[in-house]
């Protein structure tokens, strides 16, 4: 086929563009066994995984209440 015989590409509607953007944010593509697969993205909080976010932002009281004692740092207990 020559380029003169092709019909022009159809532009996406606003709904199609929004659906594509939502899919791109929700899923990611990886290669498994030489094939490209679509998988759900891992959950993030402000661009980092939830455990890292908790380690950086939680105070010792919240960590204790939620039984996350392994993240409590002994050197930051507020006493000098």
Protein backbone atom coordinates (compact mmCIF):
# COMPACT_ATOMS: atom_id res chain seq x y z
CA UNK A 1 0.00 0.00 0.00
CA UNK A 2 1.21 3.44 -0.76
CA UNK A 3 0.86 6.35 1.58
CA UNK A 4 -1.66 8.00 -0.74
CA UNK A 5 -4.17 5.16 -0.24
CA UNK A 6 -4.13 5.14 3.58
CA UNK A 7 -6.85 6.82 5.54
CA UNK A 8 -5.68 9.34 8.18
CA UNK A 9 -5.27 8.23 11.77
CA UNK A 10 -8.24 8.82 14.03
CA UNK A 11 -7.67 11.13 17.00
CA UNK A 12 -8.53 9.78 20.45
CA UNK A 13 -11.54 11.20 22.26
CA UNK A 14 -11.19 12.83 25.67
CA UNK A 15 -12.64 9.71 27.34
CA UNK A 16 -10.15 7.46 25.53
CA UNK A 17 -7.26 9.72 26.54
CA UNK A 18 -8.41 9.70 30.18
CA UNK A 19 -8.74 5.89 30.17
CA UNK A 20 -5.25 5.51 28.68
CA UNK A 21 -3.76 7.83 31.31
CA UNK A 22 -5.51 5.91 34.13
CA UNK A 23 -4.24 2.57 32.78
CA UNK A 24 -0.70 3.93 32.48
CA UNK A 25 -0.77 5.08 36.11
CA UNK A 26 -2.32 1.84 37.37
CA UNK A 27 -0.26 -0.73 35.44
CA UNK A 28 3.35 -1.17 34.34
CA UNK A 29 4.97 -3.39 31.75
CA UNK A 30 7.73 -5.90 32.57
CA UNK A 31 9.41 -8.68 30.64
CA UNK A 32 8.82 -12.25 31.89
CA UNK A 33 10.26 -15.21 30.02
CA UNK A 34 11.00 -13.02 27.01
CA UNK A 35 7.45 -11.71 26.76
CA UNK A 36 6.07 -8.34 27.73
CA UNK A 37 3.45 -8.54 30.49
CA UNK A 38 1.22 -5.91 32.09
CA UNK A 39 1.16 -6.00 35.91
CA UNK A 40 -0.31 -3.73 38.57
CA UNK A 41 2.09 -1.16 39.94
CA UNK A 42 3.16 -1.64 43.56
CA UNK A 43 1.44 0.77 45.98
CA UNK A 44 3.31 4.00 46.74
CA UNK A 45 2.93 6.91 49.14
CA UNK A 46 4.38 10.14 47.76
CA UNK A 47 6.55 8.17 45.33
CA UNK A 48 8.08 5.71 47.82
CA UNK A 49 6.97 2.34 49.13
CA UNK A 50 4.75 2.45 52.25
CA UNK A 51 7.34 0.90 54.60
CA UNK A 52 9.96 3.50 53.68
CA UNK A 53 7.41 6.30 54.14
CA UNK A 54 6.50 5.00 57.61
CA UNK A 55 10.18 4.68 58.60
CA UNK A 56 10.83 8.30 57.66
CA UNK A 57 7.66 9.96 58.97
CA UNK A 58 6.22 8.01 61.92
CA UNK A 59 6.84 8.98 65.52
CA UNK A 60 7.70 6.38 68.18
CA UNK A 61 4.24 6.56 69.81
CA UNK A 62 2.47 5.70 66.54
CA UNK A 63 4.93 2.90 65.84
CA UNK A 64 4.34 1.46 69.33
CA UNK A 65 0.54 1.66 68.97
CA UNK A 66 0.72 -0.21 65.66
CA UNK A 67 3.15 -2.84 66.98
CA UNK A 68 5.97 -1.82 64.64
CA UNK A 69 8.70 -1.99 67.27
CA UNK A 70 11.43 -2.95 64.79
CA UNK A 71 11.25 0.57 63.32
CA UNK A 72 11.63 2.39 66.66
CA UNK A 73 15.08 3.95 66.86
CA UNK A 74 16.54 4.02 70.40
CA UNK A 75 18.69 7.09 69.74
CA UNK A 76 15.68 9.32 68.93
CA UNK A 77 13.66 8.99 72.16
CA UNK A 78 13.65 12.77 72.73
CA UNK A 79 15.97 12.76 75.75
CA UNK A 80 19.37 14.36 75.52
